[in-house]
Amino acid sequence: MFCIPQELVDNFKSKLKSGEINPDKLLEMTSRERHQYLAGVLGDANARSVNILFESKLLLKNQRLGILNWAKKIVGLKPEVLRDMVSKVNRMTKVLEPKELDAFLEDLASQKLGFDVTFNEAAKISQLAKDVVEKKTKIPESSPARSSERLEYGLSLTMFKEYVGKLKLGEKTFIEAFKNYIAHPFRTLEELAGVTKSLLSTLDNSFFGRQGIKTLYTSPTIWGRNFIKSWTDIGKEFKGQNAMIPIKADIYSRPNAINGKYERMKLDIGLGGEEAFPSSLPGKIPLLGRIFKAAESAFNGAALRMRADLADRWIKIAEEQGVNMLDKTEALSGGQVVNSLTGRGKISMFTPSGQKFVNASIFSIKFLKSQFDVLTQPFNRNLSPFARKQAATNLLKIVGSVAAINTIANLLTPGSAEKDPRSSGFLRIKIGGTRIDTTGGLASVLTVASRLTPTIHNGKWGFWSKNPVTGQFTDLTSGKYGQSTALDILENFWEGKLSPLAGLFRDVWKGTNYEREKVTIQNAITNLVTPLSIQNFQQIMDSPDSDKILMLMIMEGLGFSTVTYKPKPKPLKF
């Protein structure tokens, strides 16, 4: 529905009556020419809608009646004017064979797709879609996974989605994108938040020690297979090859993708990348872009493949036990558990605009949600009984594996693994002044929950926090001046989850950054664009553990987060 100002309607009527607007000429025009012509009569804002309606009528079997309905609907012609129009339409001959009838019409295609396309782009979309259908029909029912017929179909579907995705996102060069951001300041802030996230996430292969570590504990074979493949993906990107194309082709060609079970599960294997790499703009930077693309493809490729592998395993186990994976509840439950195991929690409480704001503000909101999901899914009554049982099994495997690692660490080096959940060193292996997280971030959630839950220390109930370096306990509700409170614990937890850009605002408002340094332009820019792996490298170099730098950097590069506590300066002696 649209509304045209009365003066423009009157102008359109007069031009129809005078013959200045000639249906024959409108039909002979291309979609773009007709749009431009109507813009001169009705204004650009109305020309698009009028042209869309006109072109949609061309697709009707009764084309002549369609044109009459179009004229009537646009201007509300009186009966005598309609009779004149009928006589003109009846004299038409070219309308029976319009040149554009067999293809998408430019404005109509734009409306159907939800974004602007040229006539040639719409025609290519149509051809790619046709190719997908043809390749799918050629797959024999007995065709095994990764057969040539399946992979050809997967490749054609990947190329279709990639092409449509690029048109929808409006792929631009680095310079074009930069000019566009200058022209749209609010969009620039959103994109800047994404770019800084992506820059901080690069220069490593961190998915496996962070988002993917739960798969290591629950399905080590799947984890190991994908870990090896990730290095091949990195090598391809360094050679200038697109590693994601064959990955997506493989996933889209799998039996459970073609039969629709992935879709029913709402498995997160779509076009969008992972939240650690919300922007691909850094990949367009000359020379450095190839390094960025290598890290991005390794991360995104691992997430997609691991999700598909876990989903295939889930479907197989479920169906062997008589579970109907075509059932909506079973499918959605299985998808939630699989997505959560690979760092993709379900966020459904926000509107699309609200999600954009949250994504710009929080570094990895879906990853954080997945941590809560993994801990609570065994008790979630919204999931099916089978899904809750599998989630409980996964949680037991994770707890058992982490406990075994920390126990072995304490046996080899007594005191190297903290057992008290009220300490920020909980479930982290201590090597000198550096601690290595073995939980992929789960430990921090457990520590905050423990500090905000009443517990006993020295026979006294309260909210307690344990210092990971000194081992001293703090009563978070004692009310002592300058002492941390339970509210501080909660605030610090969320502040630590802020995106780089939101963190900069936090530092400016506080007056100091996390290193307790005064915020300057230099350190602000450095913290926004320096990859986390390099920042942690600098922390380790400043610690007494610099002799273990190679081992610690390997762990950090694989996603096993490291935290280095600087030793307190020794008091001066006089």
Protein backbone atom coordinates (compact mmCIF):
# COMPACT_ATOMS: atom_id res chain seq x y z
CA MET A 1 0.00 0.00 0.00
CA PHE A 2 1.16 3.50 -0.81
CA CYS A 3 -0.31 7.00 -0.98
CA ILE A 4 0.33 9.56 -3.73
CA PRO A 5 -0.28 13.28 -3.09
CA GLN A 6 -3.43 14.58 -4.78
CA GLU A 7 -1.58 17.11 -6.95
CA LEU A 8 0.58 14.35 -8.43
CA VAL A 9 -2.52 12.21 -9.05
CA ASP A 10 -4.18 15.11 -10.89
CA ASN A 11 -1.05 15.62 -12.96
CA PHE A 12 -0.95 11.92 -13.83
CA LYS A 13 -4.63 11.96 -14.85
CA SER A 14 -4.18 14.91 -17.15
CA LYS A 15 -1.22 13.33 -18.89
CA LEU A 16 -3.21 10.09 -19.39
CA LYS A 17 -6.14 11.99 -20.84
CA SER A 18 -3.94 14.05 -23.14
CA GLY A 19 -2.10 10.96 -24.38
CA GLU A 20 1.24 12.19 -23.08
CA ILE A 21 1.41 9.00 -21.02
CA ASN A 22 1.13 6.30 -23.62
CA PRO A 23 0.76 2.65 -22.51
CA ASP A 24 2.51 1.51 -25.70
CA LYS A 25 5.58 3.55 -24.82
CA LEU A 26 5.54 2.36 -21.21
CA LEU A 27 5.63 -1.25 -22.42
CA GLU A 28 8.51 -0.59 -24.80
CA MET A 29 10.64 0.91 -22.03
CA THR A 30 13.03 -1.11 -19.92
CA SER A 31 12.28 -1.34 -16.23
CA ARG A 32 14.89 1.33 -15.43
CA GLU A 33 13.68 3.66 -18.20
CA ARG A 34 10.08 3.33 -17.03
CA HIS A 35 11.12 4.02 -13.44
CA GLN A 36 12.93 7.19 -14.51
CA TYR A 37 9.98 8.31 -16.65
CA LEU A 38 7.45 7.83 -13.85
CA ALA A 39 9.78 9.64 -11.46
CA GLY A 40 9.45 12.72 -13.65
CA VAL A 41 5.67 12.58 -13.29
CA LEU A 42 5.09 11.20 -9.79
CA GLY A 43 8.40 11.87 -8.07
CA ASP A 44 11.13 9.31 -7.32
CA ALA A 45 9.57 8.16 -4.02
CA ASN A 46 6.31 7.14 -5.76
CA ALA A 47 7.79 5.95 -9.08
CA ARG A 48 9.22 2.79 -7.55
CA SER A 49 5.90 1.68 -6.05
CA VAL A 50 3.92 2.53 -9.19
CA ASN A 51 6.43 0.76 -11.41
CA ILE A 52 6.39 -2.32 -9.17
CA LEU A 53 2.60 -2.50 -9.49
CA PHE A 54 2.77 -1.95 -13.27
CA GLU A 55 5.40 -4.64 -13.77
CA SER A 56 3.60 -7.13 -11.57
CA LYS A 57 0.58 -6.74 -13.80
CA LEU A 58 2.70 -7.66 -16.81
CA LEU A 59 3.15 -11.06 -15.23
CA LEU A 60 -0.59 -11.68 -15.16
CA LYS A 61 -2.00 -13.97 -17.79
CA ASN A 62 -4.53 -11.36 -18.84
CA GLN A 63 -2.06 -8.57 -19.47
CA ARG A 64 -4.52 -6.10 -20.92
CA LEU A 65 -6.84 -6.32 -17.93
CA GLY A 66 -3.84 -5.99 -15.67
CA ILE A 67 -2.86 -2.67 -17.24
CA LEU A 68 -6.41 -1.35 -16.91
CA ASN A 69 -6.53 -2.39 -13.25
CA TRP A 70 -3.16 -0.72 -12.76
CA ALA A 71 -4.39 2.59 -14.17
CA LYS A 72 -7.58 2.39 -12.13
CA LYS A 73 -5.78 1.54 -8.93
CA ILE A 74 -3.25 4.34 -9.31
CA VAL A 75 -5.52 7.27 -10.17
CA GLY A 76 -9.12 6.11 -9.60
CA LEU A 77 -10.19 6.87 -13.18
CA LYS A 78 -13.81 7.75 -13.91
CA PRO A 79 -15.85 5.39 -16.14
CA GLU A 80 -15.58 7.59 -19.24
CA VAL A 81 -11.82 7.79 -18.90
CA LEU A 82 -11.66 4.02 -18.41
CA ARG A 83 -13.64 3.48 -21.63
CA ASP A 84 -11.08 5.57 -23.47
CA MET A 85 -8.31 3.56 -21.90
CA VAL A 86 -10.02 0.30 -22.94
CA SER A 87 -10.04 1.38 -26.55
CA LYS A 88 -6.35 2.29 -26.36
CA VAL A 89 -5.47 -1.01 -24.71
CA ASN A 90 -7.42 -2.98 -27.28
CA ARG A 91 -5.30 -1.42 -30.03
CA MET A 92 -2.10 -2.64 -28.36
CA THR A 93 -0.16 -5.49 -29.93
CA LYS A 94 3.26 -5.36 -28.28
CA VAL A 95 1.83 -6.04 -24.88
CA LEU A 96 1.24 -9.66 -25.88
CA GLU A 97 4.99 -10.28 -26.10
CA PRO A 98 6.73 -8.02 -23.60
CA LYS A 99 10.50 -8.31 -23.74
CA GLU A 100 10.86 -8.65 -20.00
CA LEU A 101 8.09 -11.18 -19.34
CA ASP A 102 10.40 -14.18 -19.02
CA ALA A 103 12.74 -12.63 -16.44
CA PHE A 104 12.58 -10.76 -13.18
CA LEU A 105 11.56 -7.17 -13.70
CA GLU A 106 13.95 -4.88 -11.94
CA ASP A 107 11.66 -3.10 -9.50
CA LEU A 108 9.51 -6.18 -8.94
CA ALA A 109 12.59 -8.31 -8.22
CA SER A 110 13.87 -5.72 -5.77
CA GLN A 111 10.59 -5.81 -3.88
CA LYS A 112 10.49 -9.61 -3.77
CA LEU A 113 14.12 -9.96 -2.65
CA GLY A 114 14.03 -7.12 -0.16
CA PHE A 115 17.01 -5.24 -1.62
CA ASP A 116 17.86 -3.38 -4.83
CA VAL A 117 19.06 -5.36 -7.84
CA THR A 118 19.69 -4.50 -11.46
CA PHE A 119 17.96 -6.40 -14.26
CA ASN A 120 21.15 -8.39 -14.98
CA GLU A 121 21.62 -9.23 -11.30
CA ALA A 122 18.03 -10.45 -11.04
CA ALA A 123 18.51 -12.58 -14.15
CA LYS A 124 21.66 -14.12 -12.67
CA ILE A 125 19.83 -14.91 -9.42
CA SER A 126 17.17 -16.66 -11.47
CA GLN A 127 19.79 -18.67 -13.36
CA LEU A 128 21.68 -19.65 -10.19
CA ALA A 129 18.42 -20.75 -8.57
CA LYS A 130 17.57 -22.83 -11.62
CA ASP A 131 21.01 -24.44 -11.48
CA VAL A 132 20.47 -25.37 -7.81
CA VAL A 133 17.17 -27.09 -8.63
CA GLU A 134 18.68 -28.99 -11.56
CA LYS A 135 21.66 -30.20 -9.53
CA LYS A 136 19.41 -31.34 -6.70
CA THR A 137 17.25 -33.47 -9.00
CA LYS A 138 20.36 -35.27 -10.26
CA ILE A 139 21.27 -36.65 -6.81
CA PRO A 140 20.36 -40.38 -6.66
CA GLU A 141 18.57 -41.53 -3.51
CA SER A 142 21.42 -43.97 -2.82
CA SER A 143 24.10 -41.29 -3.26
CA PRO A 144 26.51 -41.41 -0.27
CA ALA A 145 27.66 -38.35 1.65
CA ARG A 146 30.26 -36.25 -0.19
CA SER A 147 29.54 -37.95 -3.53
CA SER A 148 30.29 -35.90 -6.64
CA GLU A 149 26.56 -35.32 -7.31
CA ARG A 150 26.02 -34.05 -3.77
CA LEU A 151 29.07 -31.81 -3.80
CA GLU A 152 28.06 -30.30 -7.17
CA TYR A 153 24.67 -29.46 -5.69
CA GLY A 154 26.30 -28.10 -2.52
CA LEU A 155 28.61 -25.91 -4.59
CA SER A 156 25.75 -24.53 -6.70
CA LEU A 157 23.71 -23.74 -3.56
CA THR A 158 26.76 -22.10 -1.97
CA MET A 159 27.35 -19.91 -5.03
CA PHE A 160 23.67 -18.94 -5.06
CA LYS A 161 23.70 -17.96 -1.37
CA GLU A 162 27.04 -16.18 -1.67
CA TYR A 163 25.87 -14.13 -4.64
CA VAL A 164 22.55 -13.16 -3.04
CA GLY A 165 24.34 -12.43 0.24
CA LYS A 166 26.83 -10.10 -1.42
CA LEU A 167 24.05 -8.22 -3.20
CA LYS A 168 22.04 -7.92 -0.01
CA LEU A 169 24.99 -6.70 2.02
CA GLY A 170 26.10 -4.41 -0.80
CA GLU A 171 29.69 -5.61 -1.10
CA LYS A 172 32.04 -2.66 -1.45
CA THR A 173 35.74 -2.06 -1.71
CA PHE A 174 37.57 -0.80 1.37
CA ILE A 175 37.54 2.79 0.04
CA GLU A 176 33.84 2.64 -0.93
CA ALA A 177 32.91 1.24 2.46
CA PHE A 178 34.96 3.95 4.22
CA LYS A 179 33.17 6.71 2.25
CA ASN A 180 29.80 5.15 3.05
CA TYR A 181 30.56 5.12 6.77
CA ILE A 182 31.58 8.78 6.72
CA ALA A 183 28.19 9.59 5.18
CA HIS A 184 26.26 7.59 7.81
CA PRO A 185 27.76 8.28 11.27
CA PHE A 186 25.40 6.05 13.30
CA ARG A 187 25.92 3.13 10.96
CA THR A 188 29.62 3.87 11.22
CA LEU A 189 29.57 3.36 15.01
CA GLU A 190 27.85 0.00 14.56
CA GLU A 191 30.32 -1.08 11.90
CA LEU A 192 33.27 0.25 13.90
CA ALA A 193 32.19 -1.93 16.82
CA GLY A 194 32.19 -4.91 14.45
CA VAL A 195 35.53 -4.04 12.88
CA THR A 196 37.28 -3.70 16.25
CA LYS A 197 35.84 -7.04 17.40
CA SER A 198 37.14 -8.68 14.25
CA LEU A 199 40.58 -7.11 14.59
CA LEU A 200 40.93 -8.26 18.19
CA SER A 201 39.87 -11.81 17.26
CA THR A 202 42.39 -12.27 14.46
CA LEU A 203 45.94 -13.67 14.34
CA ASP A 204 45.07 -16.98 15.99
CA ASN A 205 43.12 -20.23 15.68
CA SER A 206 41.20 -19.74 18.89
CA PHE A 207 37.88 -21.47 18.22
CA PHE A 208 39.13 -24.83 19.44
CA GLY A 209 40.20 -23.76 22.92
CA ARG A 210 37.26 -21.44 23.51
CA GLN A 211 33.93 -21.96 21.66
CA GLY A 212 34.87 -25.49 20.62
CA ILE A 213 36.43 -26.82 23.82
CA LYS A 214 33.15 -28.38 25.01
CA THR A 215 33.22 -30.53 21.88
CA LEU A 216 36.74 -31.64 22.84
CA TYR A 217 35.33 -32.97 26.13
CA THR A 218 32.11 -34.45 24.67
CA SER A 219 33.13 -35.61 21.16
CA PRO A 220 36.94 -35.58 20.95
CA THR A 221 37.02 -37.32 17.54
CA ILE A 222 34.92 -34.57 15.94
CA TRP A 223 37.06 -31.92 17.64
CA GLY A 224 40.33 -33.50 16.47
CA ARG A 225 39.18 -33.97 12.89
CA ASN A 226 38.11 -30.35 12.59
CA PHE A 227 41.23 -29.07 14.35
CA ILE A 228 43.40 -30.69 11.67
CA LYS A 229 41.21 -29.34 8.85
CA SER A 230 41.43 -25.80 10.21
CA TRP A 231 45.13 -25.62 9.36
CA THR A 232 44.33 -26.56 5.77
CA ASP A 233 41.80 -23.70 5.71
CA ILE A 234 44.46 -21.27 6.95
CA GLY A 235 46.86 -22.48 4.26
CA LYS A 236 44.27 -21.96 1.52
CA GLU A 237 43.60 -18.37 2.58
CA PHE A 238 47.33 -17.58 2.63
CA LYS A 239 47.45 -18.86 -0.97
CA GLY A 240 44.62 -16.51 -1.92
CA GLN A 241 41.94 -19.24 -2.10
CA ASN A 242 38.49 -18.93 -0.55
CA ALA A 243 38.43 -21.70 2.06
CA MET A 244 34.80 -21.15 3.02
CA ILE A 245 33.32 -22.13 -0.37
CA PRO A 246 34.22 -25.86 -0.16
CA ILE A 247 33.28 -25.93 3.54
CA LYS A 248 29.78 -24.63 2.85
CA ALA A 249 29.44 -26.81 -0.25
CA ASP A 250 30.19 -29.87 1.88
CA ILE A 251 27.70 -28.90 4.59
CA TYR A 252 24.87 -27.99 2.19
CA SER A 253 25.35 -31.28 0.32
CA ARG A 254 24.97 -33.51 3.37
CA PRO A 255 21.89 -35.75 3.59
CA ASN A 256 20.57 -34.01 6.70
CA ALA A 257 20.88 -30.64 4.97
CA ILE A 258 19.02 -31.78 1.87
CA ASN A 259 16.27 -33.58 3.79
CA GLY A 260 15.68 -30.43 5.83
CA LYS A 261 16.65 -31.72 9.27
CA TYR A 262 19.32 -29.04 9.79
CA GLU A 263 16.73 -26.41 8.99
CA ARG A 264 14.17 -27.94 11.34
CA MET A 265 16.80 -27.93 14.09
CA LYS A 266 17.59 -24.27 13.28
CA LEU A 267 21.22 -25.27 13.13
CA ASP A 268 23.33 -22.13 12.89
CA ILE A 269 25.01 -22.77 9.53
CA GLY A 270 23.68 -19.77 7.60
CA LEU A 271 25.40 -17.03 5.62
CA GLY A 272 26.24 -14.86 8.62
CA GLY A 273 29.65 -15.31 10.20
CA GLU A 274 30.43 -15.96 13.86
CA GLU A 275 30.06 -13.08 16.31
CA ALA A 276 33.82 -12.98 16.90
CA PHE A 277 34.11 -11.84 13.26
CA PRO A 278 31.06 -9.61 12.69
CA SER A 279 32.81 -7.57 10.00
CA SER A 280 34.85 -8.74 7.02
CA LEU A 281 36.02 -5.22 6.23
CA PRO A 282 39.57 -5.82 7.63
CA GLY A 283 39.92 -8.55 5.01
CA LYS A 284 39.95 -5.86 2.32
CA ILE A 285 43.06 -4.16 3.75
CA PRO A 286 45.96 -4.74 1.33
CA LEU A 287 48.46 -7.42 2.48
CA LEU A 288 47.18 -7.58 6.08
CA GLY A 289 43.78 -8.64 4.80
CA ARG A 290 45.05 -12.10 3.88
CA ILE A 291 46.19 -12.72 7.47
CA PHE A 292 42.80 -11.61 8.72
CA LYS A 293 40.95 -13.84 6.22
CA ALA A 294 43.01 -16.85 7.33
CA ALA A 295 41.95 -16.41 10.97
CA GLU A 296 38.35 -15.62 9.99
CA SER A 297 37.99 -18.70 7.77
CA ALA A 298 39.64 -20.95 10.35
CA PHE A 299 37.19 -19.72 13.01
CA ASN A 300 34.01 -19.65 10.90
CA GLY A 301 34.85 -22.86 9.07
CA ALA A 302 35.48 -24.74 12.32
CA ALA A 303 32.18 -23.53 13.78
CA LEU A 304 30.12 -24.56 10.74
CA ARG A 305 31.76 -27.94 10.26
CA MET A 306 31.70 -28.82 13.94
CA ARG A 307 28.02 -27.90 14.22
CA ALA A 308 27.13 -30.03 11.20
CA ASP A 309 29.21 -32.97 12.48
CA LEU A 310 27.61 -32.79 15.92
CA ALA A 311 24.14 -32.49 14.37
CA ASP A 312 24.75 -35.57 12.20
CA ARG A 313 25.87 -37.48 15.28
CA TRP A 314 22.88 -36.22 17.27
CA ILE A 315 20.37 -37.22 14.55
CA LYS A 316 21.92 -40.67 14.22
CA ILE A 317 21.78 -41.35 17.98
CA ALA A 318 18.26 -39.96 18.28
CA GLU A 319 16.84 -42.01 15.42
CA GLU A 320 18.56 -45.17 16.64
CA GLN A 321 16.68 -44.68 19.90
CA GLY A 322 13.37 -44.15 18.10
CA VAL A 323 13.25 -40.37 18.45
CA ASN A 324 11.41 -38.63 15.59
CA MET A 325 13.68 -35.80 14.45
CA LEU A 326 10.93 -34.48 12.20
CA ASP A 327 9.01 -33.57 15.33
CA LYS A 328 9.29 -29.82 15.89
CA THR A 329 10.08 -30.01 19.61
CA GLU A 330 12.71 -32.73 19.15
CA ALA A 331 14.34 -30.91 16.25
CA LEU A 332 14.49 -27.51 17.98
CA SER A 333 15.72 -29.06 21.23
CA GLY A 334 18.52 -30.88 19.45
CA GLY A 335 19.50 -27.74 17.55
CA GLN A 336 19.72 -25.70 20.75
CA VAL A 337 21.99 -28.22 22.44
CA VAL A 338 24.29 -28.54 19.40
CA ASN A 339 24.47 -24.77 18.83
CA SER A 340 25.27 -24.17 22.52
CA LEU A 341 28.07 -26.75 22.51
CA THR A 342 29.76 -24.72 19.78
CA GLY A 343 29.38 -21.29 21.39
CA ARG A 344 26.10 -20.22 19.81
CA GLY A 345 23.46 -19.53 22.46
CA LYS A 346 19.89 -18.63 21.58
CA ILE A 347 19.10 -14.90 21.92
CA SER A 348 15.43 -14.23 21.25
CA MET A 349 14.44 -11.52 23.73
CA PHE A 350 15.52 -8.58 21.56
CA THR A 351 14.07 -6.95 18.45
CA PRO A 352 16.38 -6.81 15.37
CA SER A 353 17.41 -3.25 16.24
CA GLY A 354 17.90 -4.30 19.88
CA GLN A 355 20.12 -7.20 18.78
CA LYS A 356 22.27 -4.79 16.78
CA PHE A 357 22.74 -2.62 19.85
CA VAL A 358 23.58 -5.62 22.06
CA ASN A 359 26.04 -7.02 19.49
CA ALA A 360 27.74 -3.63 19.28
CA SER A 361 27.92 -3.38 23.09
CA ILE A 362 28.86 -6.94 24.14
CA PHE A 363 31.88 -8.76 22.71
CA SER A 364 30.22 -12.20 22.37
CA ILE A 365 26.68 -12.21 23.74
CA LYS A 366 25.71 -15.50 22.04
CA PHE A 367 28.85 -17.21 23.32
CA LEU A 368 28.09 -15.97 26.85
CA LYS A 369 24.50 -17.22 26.54
CA SER A 370 25.81 -20.61 25.38
CA GLN A 371 27.75 -20.92 28.65
CA PHE A 372 24.56 -20.51 30.67
CA ASP A 373 22.72 -22.87 28.31
CA VAL A 374 25.25 -25.68 28.70
CA LEU A 375 24.96 -25.42 32.49
CA THR A 376 21.15 -25.24 32.60
CA GLN A 377 19.88 -27.30 29.64
CA PRO A 378 19.67 -30.56 31.64
CA PHE A 379 17.01 -28.81 33.79
CA ASN A 380 15.25 -26.88 30.99
CA ARG A 381 11.67 -28.16 30.73
CA ASN A 382 11.24 -26.48 27.34
CA LEU A 383 13.57 -29.09 25.86
CA SER A 384 12.45 -32.61 25.04
CA PRO A 385 13.30 -35.42 27.52
CA PHE A 386 15.79 -36.89 25.04
CA ALA A 387 17.54 -33.53 24.63
CA ARG A 388 17.71 -32.98 28.40
CA LYS A 389 19.23 -36.43 28.83
CA GLN A 390 21.87 -35.76 26.17
CA ALA A 391 22.59 -32.30 27.63
CA ALA A 392 23.09 -33.88 31.06
CA THR A 393 25.46 -36.45 29.56
CA ASN A 394 27.44 -33.68 27.87
CA LEU A 395 27.65 -31.67 31.10
CA LEU A 396 28.92 -34.70 33.01
CA LYS A 397 31.60 -35.28 30.36
CA ILE A 398 32.69 -31.64 30.56
CA VAL A 399 32.81 -31.63 34.36
CA GLY A 400 34.65 -34.97 34.46
CA SER A 401 37.22 -33.90 31.85
CA VAL A 402 37.96 -30.54 33.49
CA ALA A 403 38.18 -32.16 36.93
CA ALA A 404 40.61 -34.78 35.61
CA ILE A 405 42.86 -32.14 34.01
CA ASN A 406 42.98 -30.04 37.17
CA THR A 407 43.58 -33.08 39.38
CA ILE A 408 46.51 -34.20 37.22
CA ALA A 409 47.91 -30.66 37.31
CA ASN A 410 47.79 -30.63 41.11
CA LEU A 411 49.44 -34.04 41.28
CA LEU A 412 52.29 -32.89 39.04
CA THR A 413 52.61 -29.44 40.64
CA PRO A 414 50.76 -29.13 43.95
CA GLY A 415 48.74 -25.94 44.19
CA SER A 416 48.79 -25.26 40.44
CA ALA A 417 45.01 -25.71 40.07
CA GLU A 418 42.59 -23.70 42.21
CA LYS A 419 39.70 -25.71 43.64
CA ASP A 420 37.67 -22.91 45.24
CA PRO A 421 35.05 -21.49 42.82
CA ARG A 422 35.07 -18.15 44.64
CA SER A 423 38.56 -17.46 43.25
CA SER A 424 39.10 -16.10 39.73
CA GLY A 425 41.80 -18.74 39.41
CA PHE A 426 39.17 -21.52 39.64
CA LEU A 427 39.75 -24.33 37.10
CA ARG A 428 42.74 -22.49 35.64
CA ILE A 429 46.15 -24.14 35.56
CA LYS A 430 48.77 -21.95 37.21
CA ILE A 431 52.18 -21.66 35.54
CA GLY A 432 54.18 -19.04 37.43
CA GLY A 433 52.13 -15.87 37.38
CA THR A 434 50.06 -17.01 34.41
CA ARG A 435 46.85 -19.04 34.58
CA ILE A 436 45.41 -21.04 31.66
CA ASP A 437 41.66 -21.53 31.41
CA THR A 438 40.65 -25.16 30.76
CA THR A 439 36.90 -24.49 30.53
CA GLY A 440 36.49 -22.17 27.54
CA GLY A 441 35.03 -19.45 29.77
CA LEU A 442 32.69 -21.58 31.88
CA ALA A 443 34.85 -21.00 34.97
CA SER A 444 34.20 -17.25 35.01
CA VAL A 445 30.43 -17.82 35.02
CA LEU A 446 30.77 -20.31 37.89
CA THR A 447 33.02 -17.93 39.85
CA VAL A 448 30.59 -15.02 39.60
CA ALA A 449 27.69 -17.29 40.57
CA SER A 450 29.69 -18.58 43.58
CA ARG A 451 30.60 -15.10 44.75
CA LEU A 452 26.98 -13.94 44.50
CA THR A 453 25.68 -16.98 46.40
CA PRO A 454 25.82 -17.09 50.24
CA THR A 455 28.56 -19.53 51.36
CA ILE A 456 30.46 -20.27 54.55
CA HIS A 457 34.04 -19.15 55.31
CA ASN A 458 35.56 -19.66 58.77
CA GLY A 459 32.14 -20.60 60.09
CA LYS A 460 30.50 -17.39 58.86
CA TRP A 461 27.83 -17.12 56.18
CA GLY A 462 28.31 -14.39 53.62
CA PHE A 463 29.22 -13.42 50.08
CA TRP A 464 32.88 -14.24 49.72
CA SER A 465 35.59 -13.57 47.16
CA LYS A 466 39.02 -15.21 47.19
CA ASN A 467 42.11 -13.43 45.87
CA PRO A 468 43.84 -15.75 43.32
CA VAL A 469 47.32 -14.44 44.23
CA THR A 470 47.27 -14.01 48.02
CA GLY A 471 44.54 -16.54 48.82
CA GLN A 472 42.85 -14.05 51.17
CA PHE A 473 39.04 -13.94 51.43
CA THR A 474 36.97 -10.77 51.26
CA ASP A 475 33.50 -10.37 52.73
CA LEU A 476 31.64 -8.65 49.90
CA THR A 477 28.93 -7.28 52.19
CA SER A 478 31.10 -6.02 55.06
CA GLY A 479 30.58 -2.40 54.08
CA LYS A 480 34.24 -1.48 54.63
CA TYR A 481 35.41 1.63 52.81
CA GLY A 482 37.13 0.91 49.47
CA GLN A 483 36.42 -2.81 49.63
CA SER A 484 34.77 -4.66 46.75
CA THR A 485 31.08 -5.44 47.11
CA ALA A 486 28.82 -8.07 45.56
CA LEU A 487 27.49 -5.38 43.25
CA ASP A 488 31.06 -4.60 42.14
CA ILE A 489 31.52 -8.27 41.24
CA LEU A 490 28.43 -8.23 39.02
CA GLU A 491 29.36 -4.90 37.42
CA ASN A 492 32.95 -6.01 36.76
CA PHE A 493 31.70 -9.23 35.16
CA TRP A 494 29.57 -7.37 32.63
CA GLU A 495 32.18 -4.66 32.08
CA GLY A 496 34.63 -7.41 31.14
CA LYS A 497 32.19 -8.62 28.47
CA LEU A 498 31.93 -5.25 26.71
CA SER A 499 32.94 -4.91 23.08
CA PRO A 500 36.18 -3.00 22.39
CA LEU A 501 34.29 0.15 21.40
CA ALA A 502 31.92 0.02 24.40
CA GLY A 503 34.96 -0.68 26.59
CA LEU A 504 36.57 2.51 25.32
CA PHE A 505 33.53 4.53 26.42
CA ARG A 506 33.74 2.81 29.81
CA ASP A 507 37.41 3.75 30.17
CA VAL A 508 36.81 7.36 29.12
CA TRP A 509 33.99 7.72 31.64
CA LYS A 510 36.11 6.14 34.39
CA GLY A 511 39.21 8.11 33.47
CA THR A 512 41.47 5.03 33.36
CA ASN A 513 41.67 1.79 31.40
CA TYR A 514 42.03 -1.78 32.71
CA GLU A 515 45.75 -1.22 33.21
CA ARG A 516 44.88 1.77 35.43
CA GLU A 517 46.49 4.09 32.89
CA LYS A 518 45.03 7.43 31.91
CA VAL A 519 43.15 7.08 28.62
CA THR A 520 45.00 8.70 25.73
CA ILE A 521 44.40 8.66 21.99
CA GLN A 522 47.42 6.41 21.55
CA ASN A 523 46.51 3.70 24.06
CA ALA A 524 42.82 3.91 23.08
CA ILE A 525 43.61 3.16 19.42
CA THR A 526 46.12 0.49 20.43
CA ASN A 527 43.54 -1.34 22.54
CA LEU A 528 40.95 -1.10 19.76
CA VAL A 529 43.02 -2.61 16.95
CA THR A 530 45.66 -4.82 18.57
CA PRO A 531 44.71 -8.53 18.45
CA LEU A 532 44.12 -10.08 21.86
CA SER A 533 46.87 -12.62 21.22
CA ILE A 534 49.43 -9.80 20.90
CA GLN A 535 48.06 -7.99 23.97
CA ASN A 536 48.41 -11.18 26.01
CA PHE A 537 51.89 -11.73 24.57
CA GLN A 538 52.90 -8.32 25.90
CA GLN A 539 51.52 -9.20 29.35
CA ILE A 540 53.45 -12.46 29.44
CA MET A 541 56.66 -10.70 28.38
CA ASP A 542 56.30 -8.35 31.34
CA SER A 543 55.89 -11.27 33.77
CA PRO A 544 58.46 -13.60 35.36
CA ASP A 545 57.19 -16.37 33.05
CA SER A 546 58.80 -15.00 29.90
CA ASP A 547 60.92 -18.16 29.74
CA LYS A 548 57.71 -20.08 29.05
CA ILE A 549 56.64 -17.64 26.35
CA LEU A 550 56.45 -20.19 23.50
CA MET A 551 54.20 -22.64 25.35
CA LEU A 552 51.94 -19.89 26.69
CA MET A 553 51.61 -18.24 23.28
CA ILE A 554 50.68 -21.56 21.66
CA MET A 555 47.98 -22.06 24.29
CA GLU A 556 46.70 -18.52 23.81
CA GLY A 557 46.73 -18.87 20.02
CA LEU A 558 44.55 -21.98 20.28
CA GLY A 559 42.00 -20.20 22.43
CA PHE A 560 43.02 -21.42 25.88
CA SER A 561 42.73 -18.01 27.53
CA THR A 562 45.66 -16.91 29.64
CA VAL A 563 45.65 -14.35 32.45
CA THR A 564 48.94 -13.01 33.74
CA TYR A 565 49.14 -11.38 37.17
CA LYS A 566 51.97 -8.91 37.48
CA PRO A 567 53.99 -9.26 40.69
CA LYS A 568 53.70 -6.45 43.18
CA PRO A 569 56.75 -4.19 43.19
CA LYS A 570 59.11 -4.88 46.07
CA PRO A 571 59.25 -2.15 48.75
CA LEU A 572 62.21 0.17 48.58
CA LYS A 573 64.95 -0.38 51.17
CA PHE A 574 66.75 2.55 52.81
